[in-house]
Protein backbone atom coordinates (compact mmCIF):
# COMPACT_ATOMS: atom_id res chain seq x y z
CA UNK A 1 -86.50 -36.24 -2.58
CA UNK A 2 -85.77 -33.62 -5.25
CA UNK A 3 -82.38 -31.99 -5.86
CA UNK A 4 -82.82 -29.63 -8.78
CA UNK A 5 -79.60 -28.42 -10.37
CA UNK A 6 -81.30 -25.28 -11.67
CA UNK A 7 -81.97 -23.95 -8.18
CA UNK A 8 -79.71 -25.90 -5.78
CA UNK A 9 -76.06 -24.81 -5.27
CA UNK A 10 -73.63 -27.40 -6.68
CA UNK A 11 -71.28 -25.77 -9.22
CA UNK A 12 -68.05 -24.54 -7.57
CA UNK A 13 -66.99 -21.14 -8.91
CA UNK A 14 -64.31 -18.54 -8.27
CA UNK A 15 -65.47 -14.91 -8.34
CA UNK A 16 -63.35 -12.04 -9.59
CA UNK A 17 -62.80 -10.77 -6.04
CA UNK A 18 -61.18 -14.14 -5.19
CA UNK A 19 -64.09 -15.51 -3.19
CA UNK A 20 -65.48 -18.99 -3.87
CA UNK A 21 -68.94 -20.49 -3.66
CA UNK A 22 -71.16 -23.28 -4.87
CA UNK A 23 -73.90 -21.90 -7.09
CA UNK A 24 -76.93 -23.21 -8.93
CA UNK A 25 -77.14 -23.30 -12.72
CA UNK A 26 -79.32 -20.18 -12.71
CA UNK A 27 -76.90 -18.30 -10.48
CA UNK A 28 -73.94 -19.47 -12.55
CA UNK A 29 -75.33 -17.88 -15.71
CA UNK A 30 -76.79 -14.83 -13.96
CA UNK A 31 -73.41 -14.10 -12.34
CA UNK A 32 -71.30 -15.13 -15.35
CA UNK A 33 -69.82 -11.66 -15.78
CA UNK A 34 -68.50 -11.62 -12.19
CA UNK A 35 -67.33 -15.25 -12.08
CA UNK A 36 -63.72 -15.80 -13.11
CA UNK A 37 -63.92 -19.53 -13.72
CA UNK A 38 -65.54 -22.84 -12.87
CA UNK A 39 -63.87 -24.74 -10.04
CA UNK A 40 -64.02 -28.45 -9.36
CA UNK A 41 -62.41 -31.32 -7.50
CA UNK A 42 -60.19 -31.97 -10.54
CA UNK A 43 -59.35 -29.97 -13.69
CA UNK A 44 -61.10 -32.68 -15.70
CA UNK A 45 -64.24 -32.10 -13.66
CA UNK A 46 -64.12 -28.36 -14.36
CA UNK A 47 -63.73 -29.17 -18.07
CA UNK A 48 -66.74 -31.48 -18.04
CA UNK A 49 -68.84 -28.87 -16.21
CA UNK A 50 -67.88 -26.19 -18.74
CA UNK A 51 -68.94 -28.47 -21.60
CA UNK A 52 -72.28 -28.94 -19.84
CA UNK A 53 -72.74 -25.15 -19.64
CA UNK A 54 -71.83 -24.81 -23.32
CA UNK A 55 -74.44 -27.43 -24.26
CA UNK A 56 -77.02 -25.42 -22.30
CA UNK A 57 -76.00 -22.23 -24.15
CA UNK A 58 -76.38 -23.95 -27.53
CA UNK A 59 -79.75 -25.50 -26.69
CA UNK A 60 -81.14 -22.36 -25.11
CA UNK A 61 -80.15 -19.93 -27.85
CA UNK A 62 -78.72 -21.74 -30.86
CA UNK A 63 -75.63 -20.50 -32.70
CA UNK A 64 -75.96 -21.57 -36.32
CA UNK A 65 -73.81 -18.94 -38.01
CA UNK A 66 -70.57 -17.08 -37.49
CA UNK A 67 -72.68 -13.95 -37.17
CA UNK A 68 -74.41 -15.41 -34.11
CA UNK A 69 -71.07 -16.27 -32.51
CA UNK A 70 -69.65 -12.83 -33.33
CA UNK A 71 -72.66 -11.25 -31.67
CA UNK A 72 -71.93 -13.08 -28.41
CA UNK A 73 -68.26 -12.13 -28.42
CA UNK A 74 -68.93 -8.49 -29.26
CA UNK A 75 -72.13 -7.89 -27.27
CA UNK A 76 -71.96 -10.51 -24.54
CA UNK A 77 -73.92 -13.65 -23.70
CA UNK A 78 -77.70 -13.36 -23.37
CA UNK A 79 -77.78 -14.92 -19.91
CA UNK A 80 -81.39 -13.87 -19.32
CA UNK A 81 -82.56 -16.15 -22.14
CA UNK A 82 -80.51 -19.01 -20.74
CA UNK A 83 -81.94 -18.58 -17.24
CA UNK A 84 -85.43 -18.54 -18.77
CA UNK A 85 -84.61 -21.76 -20.65
CA UNK A 86 -83.47 -23.41 -17.42
CA UNK A 87 -86.62 -22.38 -15.60
CA UNK A 88 -88.81 -23.69 -18.43
CA UNK A 89 -86.92 -27.00 -18.46
CA UNK A 90 -86.50 -27.25 -14.71
CA UNK A 91 -87.90 -30.78 -14.40
CA UNK A 92 -85.19 -32.09 -16.77
CA UNK A 93 -82.45 -31.09 -14.29
CA UNK A 94 -83.73 -32.94 -11.23
CA UNK A 95 -81.04 -35.33 -9.99
CA UNK A 96 -83.63 -37.67 -8.44
CA UNK A 97 -86.59 -37.36 -10.82
CA UNK A 98 -88.79 -40.46 -10.69
CA UNK A 99 -88.81 -41.15 -14.45
CA UNK A 100 -85.89 -39.22 -15.96
CA UNK A 101 -83.26 -38.20 -13.42
CA UNK A 102 -80.66 -35.84 -14.86
CA UNK A 103 -78.15 -37.67 -17.11
CA UNK A 104 -79.26 -41.00 -15.62
CA UNK A 105 -81.58 -43.94 -16.31
CA UNK A 106 -84.33 -44.23 -13.70
CA UNK A 107 -84.87 -47.98 -14.22
CA UNK A 108 -81.21 -48.99 -14.52
CA UNK A 109 -80.46 -52.12 -12.50
CA UNK A 110 -78.49 -55.34 -12.61
CA UNK A 111 -79.88 -58.85 -12.37
CA UNK A 112 -79.04 -58.94 -8.66
CA UNK A 113 -80.08 -55.32 -8.03
CA UNK A 114 -76.57 -54.53 -6.92
CA UNK A 115 -75.01 -51.09 -6.59
CA UNK A 116 -71.31 -50.32 -6.58
CA UNK A 117 -69.53 -48.17 -4.03
CA UNK A 118 -68.78 -44.52 -4.63
CA UNK A 119 -65.18 -45.32 -5.54
CA UNK A 120 -66.56 -46.33 -8.95
CA UNK A 121 -67.93 -42.83 -9.43
CA UNK A 122 -65.09 -40.79 -7.93
CA UNK A 123 -62.06 -40.91 -10.21
CA UNK A 124 -59.15 -42.99 -8.96
CA UNK A 125 -55.59 -43.36 -10.13
CA UNK A 126 -54.07 -46.86 -10.62
CA UNK A 127 -53.66 -49.25 -7.70
CA UNK A 128 -56.57 -47.70 -5.86
CA UNK A 129 -54.76 -44.49 -4.91
CA UNK A 130 -57.35 -41.69 -5.33
CA UNK A 131 -56.56 -38.22 -6.60
CA UNK A 132 -58.22 -36.93 -3.46
CA UNK A 133 -55.82 -38.69 -1.12
CA UNK A 134 -57.62 -37.65 2.05
CA UNK A 135 -60.76 -39.46 0.94
CA UNK A 136 -61.49 -42.84 2.49
CA UNK A 137 -63.60 -44.62 5.06
CA UNK A 138 -66.79 -42.74 5.85
CA UNK A 139 -66.11 -40.11 3.19
CA UNK A 140 -66.61 -42.82 0.57
CA UNK A 141 -69.81 -44.13 2.18
CA UNK A 142 -71.92 -41.04 1.52
CA UNK A 143 -71.48 -37.83 -0.46
CA UNK A 144 -73.74 -34.84 -0.93
CA UNK A 145 -76.05 -34.61 -3.96
CA UNK A 146 -74.03 -31.59 -5.12
CA UNK A 147 -70.81 -33.58 -5.22
CA UNK A 148 -72.56 -36.58 -6.74
CA UNK A 149 -73.84 -34.37 -9.58
CA UNK A 150 -70.31 -33.23 -10.37
CA UNK A 151 -68.92 -36.76 -10.41
CA UNK A 152 -71.89 -37.97 -12.48
CA UNK A 153 -71.01 -35.49 -15.23
CA UNK A 154 -67.32 -36.37 -14.89
CA UNK A 155 -68.04 -40.10 -15.27
CA UNK A 156 -69.86 -39.59 -18.57
CA UNK A 157 -66.92 -37.53 -19.82
CA UNK A 158 -63.85 -39.32 -18.42
CA UNK A 159 -64.77 -42.75 -17.02
CA UNK A 160 -61.95 -45.21 -17.91
CA UNK A 161 -62.58 -48.17 -20.13
CA UNK A 162 -63.06 -51.62 -18.65
CA UNK A 163 -65.76 -54.11 -17.73
CA UNK A 164 -68.88 -52.58 -16.20
CA UNK A 165 -72.03 -54.00 -14.64
CA UNK A 166 -74.51 -55.62 -17.02
CA UNK A 167 -77.77 -53.70 -17.12
CA UNK A 168 -80.99 -55.68 -17.34
CA UNK A 169 -82.45 -54.98 -20.78
CA UNK A 170 -79.10 -54.35 -22.43
CA UNK A 171 -78.50 -57.02 -25.11
CA UNK A 172 -74.89 -55.93 -25.58
CA UNK A 173 -73.72 -57.83 -22.51
CA UNK A 174 -72.39 -61.32 -22.01
CA UNK A 175 -72.11 -63.49 -18.92
CA UNK A 176 -73.44 -60.73 -16.70
CA UNK A 177 -70.79 -58.27 -17.84
CA UNK A 178 -70.71 -55.17 -19.99
CA UNK A 179 -67.48 -55.47 -21.93
CA UNK A 180 -65.21 -52.45 -22.62
CA UNK A 181 -66.23 -49.79 -25.14
CA UNK A 182 -63.44 -47.32 -24.39
CA UNK A 183 -63.19 -44.28 -22.09
CA UNK A 184 -65.73 -41.49 -21.93
CA UNK A 185 -65.53 -39.17 -24.92
CA UNK A 186 -63.74 -36.28 -23.21
CA UNK A 187 -61.09 -38.75 -22.07
CA UNK A 188 -60.28 -39.53 -25.70
CA UNK A 189 -59.35 -35.97 -26.62
CA UNK A 190 -56.79 -33.39 -25.58
CA UNK A 191 -59.17 -30.86 -24.06
CA UNK A 192 -58.61 -27.19 -24.92
CA UNK A 193 -60.38 -24.23 -23.29
CA UNK A 194 -60.03 -20.57 -24.27
CA UNK A 195 -60.42 -18.36 -21.19
CA UNK A 196 -61.56 -14.76 -21.20
CA UNK A 197 -61.70 -12.24 -18.38
CA UNK A 198 -64.80 -13.85 -16.89
CA UNK A 199 -67.03 -16.87 -17.35
CA UNK A 200 -69.37 -15.07 -19.75
CA UNK A 201 -66.44 -14.25 -22.03
CA UNK A 202 -65.04 -17.77 -21.66
CA UNK A 203 -68.34 -19.28 -22.77
CA UNK A 204 -68.39 -16.97 -25.78
CA UNK A 205 -64.82 -17.89 -26.76
CA UNK A 206 -65.70 -21.60 -26.73
CA UNK A 207 -68.87 -21.39 -28.81
CA UNK A 208 -68.83 -22.40 -32.46
CA UNK A 209 -71.40 -22.18 -35.22
CA UNK A 210 -73.33 -25.46 -35.41
CA UNK A 211 -75.61 -26.85 -38.15
CA UNK A 212 -79.28 -26.03 -37.66
CA UNK A 213 -80.18 -29.65 -36.92
CA UNK A 214 -83.28 -30.21 -34.72
CA UNK A 215 -81.86 -33.59 -33.66
CA UNK A 216 -78.64 -32.08 -32.32
CA UNK A 217 -79.76 -31.53 -28.76
CA UNK A 218 -78.35 -32.58 -25.37
CA UNK A 219 -79.63 -35.69 -23.61
CA UNK A 220 -82.01 -33.86 -21.24
CA UNK A 221 -83.85 -32.29 -24.19
CA UNK A 222 -84.71 -35.63 -25.82
CA UNK A 223 -88.42 -36.43 -26.01
CA UNK A 224 -87.88 -39.99 -24.80
CA UNK A 225 -85.46 -40.56 -21.90
CA UNK A 226 -82.53 -42.91 -22.30
CA UNK A 227 -83.05 -46.51 -21.21
CA UNK A 228 -80.80 -49.45 -20.46
CA UNK A 229 -80.85 -50.19 -24.20
CA UNK A 230 -77.66 -48.79 -25.67
CA UNK A 231 -77.30 -47.73 -29.27
CA UNK A 232 -75.78 -50.68 -31.12
CA UNK A 233 -74.20 -48.40 -33.73
CA UNK A 234 -74.17 -44.99 -31.99
CA UNK A 235 -74.82 -42.01 -34.24
CA UNK A 236 -74.06 -38.58 -32.87
CA UNK A 237 -76.38 -35.88 -34.16
CA UNK A 238 -73.85 -33.08 -33.92
CA UNK A 239 -71.54 -30.92 -31.79
CA UNK A 240 -74.11 -30.08 -29.12
CA UNK A 241 -74.98 -33.69 -28.37
CA UNK A 242 -71.29 -34.57 -28.28
CA UNK A 243 -70.60 -32.01 -25.55
CA UNK A 244 -72.54 -34.23 -23.09
CA UNK A 245 -72.26 -37.59 -24.84
CA UNK A 246 -73.66 -40.46 -22.75
CA UNK A 247 -70.64 -42.78 -22.62
CA UNK A 248 -72.21 -44.64 -19.71
CA UNK A 249 -75.62 -45.54 -18.34
CA UNK A 250 -75.72 -44.44 -14.70
CA UNK A 251 -78.10 -44.36 -11.76
CA UNK A 252 -77.20 -42.71 -8.49
CA UNK A 253 -78.37 -44.53 -5.36
CA UNK A 254 -79.59 -42.04 -2.78
CA UNK A 255 -81.75 -38.98 -2.36
CA UNK A 256 -81.52 -35.31 -1.40
CA UNK A 257 -79.90 -36.26 1.92
CA UNK A 258 -76.95 -37.99 0.26
CA UNK A 259 -75.74 -40.52 -2.30
CA UNK A 260 -74.38 -43.86 -1.09
CA UNK A 261 -73.78 -45.86 -4.28
CA UNK A 262 -74.01 -46.02 -8.06
CA UNK A 263 -75.13 -48.38 -10.78
CA UNK A 264 -72.55 -47.86 -13.54
CA UNK A 265 -73.01 -49.60 -16.90
CA UNK A 266 -71.74 -49.19 -20.44
CA UNK A 267 -73.35 -46.47 -22.55
CA UNK A 268 -72.98 -45.35 -26.14
CA UNK A 269 -69.56 -45.92 -27.65
CA UNK A 270 -67.86 -43.02 -29.41
CA UNK A 271 -64.95 -43.58 -31.78
CA UNK A 272 -62.36 -40.82 -32.34
CA UNK A 273 -61.66 -41.11 -36.07
CA UNK A 274 -62.50 -37.97 -38.10
CA UNK A 275 -64.68 -36.28 -35.51
CA UNK A 276 -63.06 -32.90 -36.19
CA UNK A 277 -66.25 -31.63 -37.81
CA UNK A 278 -68.20 -32.03 -34.57
CA UNK A 279 -65.65 -31.81 -31.72
CA UNK A 280 -64.40 -28.25 -31.29
CA UNK A 281 -62.40 -28.41 -28.06
CA UNK A 282 -59.31 -30.32 -29.16
CA UNK A 283 -56.59 -30.12 -31.80
CA UNK A 284 -56.24 -32.94 -34.34
CA UNK A 285 -53.37 -34.91 -35.86
CA UNK A 286 -53.13 -36.77 -39.13
CA UNK A 287 -52.75 -40.52 -38.51
CA UNK A 288 -50.94 -42.48 -41.22
CA UNK A 289 -51.76 -45.93 -39.70
CA UNK A 290 -55.46 -45.07 -39.33
CA UNK A 291 -55.56 -43.63 -42.85
CA UNK A 292 -54.06 -46.82 -44.22
CA UNK A 293 -56.54 -48.92 -42.25
CA UNK A 294 -59.63 -47.05 -43.43
CA UNK A 295 -58.45 -46.09 -46.91
CA UNK A 296 -59.17 -42.38 -46.39
CA UNK A 297 -57.36 -39.53 -44.65
CA UNK A 298 -58.01 -39.93 -40.92
CA UNK A 299 -57.50 -37.37 -38.19
CA UNK A 300 -57.34 -38.34 -34.53
CA UNK A 301 -57.64 -36.11 -31.45
CA UNK A 302 -54.28 -34.65 -30.50
CA UNK A 303 -53.97 -35.74 -26.89
CA UNK A 304 -51.65 -33.88 -24.56
CA UNK A 305 -48.26 -35.41 -23.82
CA UNK A 306 -47.80 -35.61 -20.01
CA UNK A 307 -44.04 -35.32 -20.53
CA UNK A 308 -44.34 -31.90 -22.20
CA UNK A 309 -45.21 -28.47 -20.83
CA UNK A 310 -48.15 -26.80 -22.51
CA UNK A 311 -46.13 -24.12 -24.34
CA UNK A 312 -44.36 -26.84 -26.33
CA UNK A 313 -47.69 -27.89 -27.80
CA UNK A 314 -48.87 -24.33 -28.43
CA UNK A 315 -47.92 -24.29 -32.15
CA UNK A 316 -50.27 -27.22 -32.82
CA UNK A 317 -53.09 -25.17 -31.27
CA UNK A 318 -52.57 -21.98 -33.29
CA UNK A 319 -50.48 -22.71 -36.38
CA UNK A 320 -52.04 -22.06 -39.79
CA UNK A 321 -49.01 -23.55 -41.55
CA UNK A 322 -48.68 -27.06 -40.13
CA UNK A 323 -46.21 -29.61 -41.41
CA UNK A 324 -47.40 -31.84 -44.24
CA UNK A 325 -47.64 -35.64 -44.27
CA UNK A 326 -48.94 -37.65 -47.24
CA UNK A 327 -50.21 -34.37 -48.67
CA UNK A 328 -52.31 -33.74 -45.54
CA UNK A 329 -51.89 -31.14 -42.81
CA UNK A 330 -50.01 -32.79 -39.97
CA UNK A 331 -52.25 -31.07 -37.42
CA UNK A 332 -55.49 -29.10 -37.32
CA UNK A 333 -56.32 -26.36 -34.86
CA UNK A 334 -59.30 -26.68 -32.50
CA UNK A 335 -62.45 -25.25 -34.08
CA UNK A 336 -62.78 -22.84 -31.14
CA UNK A 337 -59.36 -21.38 -31.95
CA UNK A 338 -60.23 -21.07 -35.65
CA UNK A 339 -63.50 -19.34 -34.76
CA UNK A 340 -61.84 -16.84 -32.43
CA UNK A 341 -59.16 -16.17 -35.08
CA UNK A 342 -61.83 -15.35 -37.67
CA UNK A 343 -63.87 -13.27 -35.25
CA UNK A 344 -60.82 -11.25 -34.21
CA UNK A 345 -60.53 -10.06 -37.82
CA UNK A 346 -64.21 -9.16 -38.16
CA UNK A 347 -64.64 -7.36 -34.86
CA UNK A 348 -62.89 -4.39 -33.37
CA UNK A 349 -61.28 -6.49 -30.65
CA UNK A 350 -58.34 -5.41 -28.55
CA UNK A 351 -55.61 -7.49 -30.17
CA UNK A 352 -53.45 -7.07 -27.06
CA UNK A 353 -56.15 -8.62 -24.85
CA UNK A 354 -54.89 -11.68 -23.01
CA UNK A 355 -56.49 -15.06 -23.66
CA UNK A 356 -55.81 -18.04 -21.41
CA UNK A 357 -55.26 -21.38 -23.13
CA UNK A 358 -56.05 -24.24 -20.76
CA UNK A 359 -55.13 -27.81 -21.67
CA UNK A 360 -56.66 -30.72 -19.79
CA UNK A 361 -56.89 -34.45 -20.32
CA UNK A 362 -56.26 -37.90 -18.96
CA UNK A 363 -53.55 -40.35 -19.93
CA UNK A 364 -54.96 -43.82 -19.37
CA UNK A 365 -53.01 -46.95 -18.48
CA UNK A 366 -53.20 -50.50 -19.82
CA UNK A 367 -56.27 -51.10 -22.02
CA UNK A 368 -57.29 -47.56 -20.99
CA UNK A 369 -58.84 -49.15 -17.92
CA UNK A 370 -56.95 -47.09 -15.34
CA UNK A 371 -55.94 -43.47 -14.96
CA UNK A 372 -52.18 -43.21 -15.37
CA UNK A 373 -51.84 -39.44 -15.26
CA UNK A 374 -53.96 -36.31 -15.31
CA UNK A 375 -52.70 -33.54 -17.59
CA UNK A 376 -53.38 -29.89 -16.81
CA UNK A 377 -51.62 -26.74 -17.92
CA UNK A 378 -52.45 -23.15 -18.79
CA UNK A 379 -50.61 -20.37 -20.59
CA UNK A 380 -51.49 -16.86 -21.69
CA UNK A 381 -51.17 -15.24 -25.12
CA UNK A 382 -52.42 -12.14 -26.93
CA UNK A 383 -55.55 -12.56 -29.01
CA UNK A 384 -53.83 -10.90 -31.98
CA UNK A 385 -51.50 -13.91 -32.32
CA UNK A 386 -54.41 -15.89 -33.78
CA UNK A 387 -55.26 -13.57 -36.70
CA UNK A 388 -54.08 -13.54 -40.31
CA UNK A 389 -51.93 -10.50 -39.58
CA UNK A 390 -49.76 -12.63 -37.28
CA UNK A 391 -48.77 -15.45 -39.67
CA UNK A 392 -45.08 -14.55 -39.37
CA UNK A 393 -45.39 -14.51 -35.59
CA UNK A 394 -46.95 -17.98 -35.48
CA UNK A 395 -44.17 -19.30 -37.73
CA UNK A 396 -41.70 -17.78 -35.28
CA UNK A 397 -43.42 -19.60 -32.39
CA UNK A 398 -43.36 -22.87 -34.29
CA UNK A 399 -39.65 -22.46 -35.08
CA UNK A 400 -38.95 -21.45 -31.49
CA UNK A 401 -40.24 -24.71 -30.02
CA UNK A 402 -38.27 -26.74 -32.55
CA UNK A 403 -35.14 -24.77 -31.74
CA UNK A 404 -35.61 -25.34 -28.02
CA UNK A 405 -36.01 -29.05 -28.67
CA UNK A 406 -32.76 -29.13 -30.66
CA UNK A 407 -30.80 -27.29 -27.99
CA UNK A 408 -32.17 -29.35 -25.13
CA UNK A 409 -31.19 -32.44 -27.09
CA UNK A 410 -27.65 -31.05 -27.38
CA UNK A 411 -27.19 -30.53 -23.64
CA UNK A 412 -28.47 -34.06 -23.12
CA UNK A 413 -25.84 -35.27 -25.57
CA UNK A 414 -23.17 -33.40 -23.64
CA UNK A 415 -24.28 -35.13 -20.43
CA UNK A 416 -24.12 -38.49 -22.21
CA UNK A 417 -20.58 -37.77 -23.42
CA UNK A 418 -19.52 -36.85 -19.88
CA UNK A 419 -21.02 -40.09 -18.55
CA UNK A 420 -19.09 -42.09 -21.16
CA UNK A 421 -15.92 -40.19 -20.34
CA UNK A 422 -16.37 -41.28 -16.72
CA UNK A 423 -16.84 -44.91 -17.78
CA UNK A 424 -20.52 -44.93 -16.76
CA UNK A 425 -21.74 -46.54 -19.98
CA UNK A 426 -24.78 -48.14 -18.33
CA UNK A 427 -26.04 -44.83 -17.02
CA UNK A 428 -25.86 -42.86 -20.27
CA UNK A 429 -29.56 -42.91 -21.14
CA UNK A 430 -30.71 -42.06 -17.63
CA UNK A 431 -28.21 -39.21 -17.34
CA UNK A 432 -29.13 -37.54 -20.60
CA UNK A 433 -32.85 -37.90 -19.89
CA UNK A 434 -32.46 -36.34 -16.44
CA UNK A 435 -30.47 -33.40 -17.80
CA UNK A 436 -32.95 -32.80 -20.61
CA UNK A 437 -35.82 -32.85 -18.12
CA UNK A 438 -34.00 -30.30 -15.96
CA UNK A 439 -33.32 -28.12 -19.00
CA UNK A 440 -37.00 -28.11 -20.00
CA UNK A 441 -37.94 -27.17 -16.45
CA UNK A 442 -35.42 -24.32 -16.46
CA UNK A 443 -36.81 -23.02 -19.78
CA UNK A 444 -40.44 -23.15 -18.72
CA UNK A 445 -40.93 -19.80 -16.95
CA UNK A 446 -39.01 -17.75 -19.50
CA UNK A 447 -40.76 -19.48 -22.40
CA UNK A 448 -44.21 -18.65 -21.02
CA UNK A 449 -43.21 -15.04 -20.40
CA UNK A 450 -41.75 -14.71 -23.92
CA UNK A 451 -44.90 -16.16 -25.44
CA UNK A 452 -47.22 -13.93 -23.39
CA UNK A 453 -45.28 -10.83 -24.44
CA UNK A 454 -45.66 -11.45 -28.19
CA UNK A 455 -47.98 -8.94 -29.86
CA UNK A 456 -49.25 -8.67 -33.39
CA UNK A 457 -46.91 -5.68 -33.91
CA UNK A 458 -43.89 -7.31 -32.25
CA UNK A 459 -40.62 -7.04 -34.16
CA UNK A 460 -40.01 -10.63 -35.28
CA UNK A 461 -36.21 -10.26 -35.37
CA UNK A 462 -36.10 -8.76 -31.88
CA UNK A 463 -38.39 -11.51 -30.56
CA UNK A 464 -36.22 -14.16 -32.22
CA UNK A 465 -33.07 -12.64 -30.73
CA UNK A 466 -34.66 -12.61 -27.27
CA UNK A 467 -35.57 -16.28 -27.65
CA UNK A 468 -32.05 -17.24 -28.77
CA UNK A 469 -30.65 -15.50 -25.72
CA UNK A 470 -33.08 -17.23 -23.38
CA UNK A 471 -32.10 -20.62 -24.73
CA UNK A 472 -28.39 -19.84 -24.62
CA UNK A 473 -28.55 -18.66 -21.01
CA UNK A 474 -30.54 -21.69 -19.84
CA UNK A 475 -28.59 -24.33 -21.77
CA UNK A 476 -25.19 -22.92 -20.82
CA UNK A 477 -26.28 -22.86 -17.18
CA UNK A 478 -27.30 -26.52 -17.45
CA UNK A 479 -23.98 -27.32 -19.13
CA UNK A 480 -22.08 -25.63 -16.30
CA UNK A 481 -23.92 -27.82 -13.80
CA UNK A 482 -23.11 -30.95 -15.76
CA UNK A 483 -19.45 -29.98 -15.97
CA UNK A 484 -19.14 -29.04 -12.29
CA UNK A 485 -20.70 -32.36 -11.26
CA UNK A 486 -18.39 -34.41 -13.49
CA UNK A 487 -16.07 -36.85 -11.80
CA UNK A 488 -12.24 -36.63 -12.01
CA UNK A 489 -12.39 -39.69 -14.26
CA UNK A 490 -14.55 -37.77 -16.77
CA UNK A 491 -12.12 -34.82 -16.62
CA UNK A 492 -9.22 -37.17 -17.43
CA UNK A 493 -11.27 -38.86 -20.14
CA UNK A 494 -11.21 -42.17 -21.97
CA UNK A 495 -11.73 -43.66 -25.42
CA UNK A 496 -15.39 -44.03 -26.42
CA UNK A 497 -17.13 -44.84 -29.69
CA UNK A 498 -17.15 -41.08 -30.29
CA UNK A 499 -13.37 -40.89 -29.89
CA UNK A 500 -11.36 -39.85 -26.86
CA UNK A 501 -13.82 -37.96 -24.68
CA UNK A 502 -13.39 -35.63 -21.70
CA UNK A 503 -15.68 -33.23 -19.88
CA UNK A 504 -14.01 -30.28 -21.59
CA UNK A 505 -14.34 -31.84 -25.04
CA UNK A 506 -18.03 -32.60 -24.48
CA UNK A 507 -18.59 -28.98 -23.48
CA UNK A 508 -16.78 -27.73 -26.58
CA UNK A 509 -19.08 -29.84 -28.75
CA UNK A 510 -22.12 -28.31 -27.03
CA UNK A 511 -20.99 -24.70 -27.29
CA UNK A 512 -20.10 -25.16 -30.95
CA UNK A 513 -23.61 -26.51 -31.59
CA UNK A 514 -25.19 -23.60 -29.69
CA UNK A 515 -23.29 -21.05 -31.75
CA UNK A 516 -24.51 -22.74 -34.90
CA UNK A 517 -28.15 -22.95 -33.78
CA UNK A 518 -28.42 -19.64 -31.90
CA UNK A 519 -26.60 -17.06 -34.04
CA UNK A 520 -28.59 -14.13 -32.64
CA UNK A 521 -27.51 -14.98 -29.09
CA UNK A 522 -23.87 -14.26 -29.88
CA UNK A 523 -22.22 -11.02 -30.98
CA UNK A 524 -20.85 -10.93 -34.52
CA UNK A 525 -17.12 -11.62 -34.85
CA UNK A 526 -14.79 -8.75 -33.89
CA UNK A 527 -17.46 -6.91 -31.88
CA UNK A 528 -17.70 -6.14 -28.21
CA UNK A 529 -19.20 -8.99 -26.19
CA UNK A 530 -22.89 -8.47 -25.46
CA UNK A 531 -24.69 -9.26 -22.26
CA UNK A 532 -27.37 -11.95 -22.50
CA UNK A 533 -29.65 -9.77 -20.38
CA UNK A 534 -29.59 -6.78 -22.75
């Protein structure tokens, strides 16, 4: 009947030689230096699994000072102590334990002893179309315990909001229903992961110093197991408990031969306001409406915008000079980024070492009850960019994204002018949005390369000139496409609310704006014309 996560293979990993395997918890930590990353059916699942591993690290060792975190980053993770912890706590990681199954409630049941199908456990997109589009029929009737364990952890982290089954013994239900309490906690944030060269380094990069609070322990370490009784006013003990917060009460239906169903009920609600002191793996934004509502400065998790590539949000992740609003910082960096920035100053780290910044999250639909879109992106940067010695460089990055936004807006305006010149007044908004989307896509590769090449000793003026030239080349190329696709009517022109407009005039407006915004991309007057590729 037993399926123990400490010894059974269930965590998908990618090794540094490119091979893949499912490994047990013990193997995962023992091989951490040769594992590149955690795999998973979805990026959100990999994120939830990494948070589980981080909670284990914290509970096994305890990191209650910056010195403790520095020691891990400089000397490596003490995986032997973690494996010993897992072996000593082995009974707490049994998926089908009779009294306290891992991250479940053994006695959880509804009044009619009903269980839902596995589609409630395996994440779906709206209208019943699953992410795993090949899944259906028999593949939804039974899954392996290994897969069930992964989706169990994912459900606690990312389950959408909505009505859930009413658990017997839960007073916070009405009419046989558990009414919405919001998505799982990880679904409420814009997840950020710092990646090193291997899993051991990645775990070290995502550790933070936590208060020495005996109550701040993950769910499996609690003396008394969770029951159907939810916390009426949930109180989170600290960062470690939040890593594996029990947003739902769950019981898997099955055994070591397979899982066929799930009892899925509401768990402990977690609100997002001002959790920046305990949630380290997301950036934060100042919220004027929330501050007005509560009468104090309120910061909310900075969720990822599905319409934007990750490099456009990079300044919010690393900037130490954010914009101000109501006297408050407009954004706050993730605590993991702040920790690594401080550690990079204290330790003799290779400032040219590459760090991967992974961004993952879910954009929910109406009432947050469906999954509208899954966000996932990754970009590389040099660790030296985080330190105090790179303040000018981070300002340059912040200005660079604003400049790109301005120039992309300009080529969209050109496209709108051309549409008006052609008499297509109804299609103006769609045209400019399409052109701007294409311009962002054309910028993406070069932007990531430019960002990855920045070093703490980079010449800021040279880097700025390179960026101006990248933008000029991309935007002018987009403008040429707009002009070549223009109709004869647009070339002839017509009167619009912006005056008489033609394709040529719209292009003149754009090129004038580019010269004004990108002075380093153009040679000074009366000098030989420079190549954009120099």
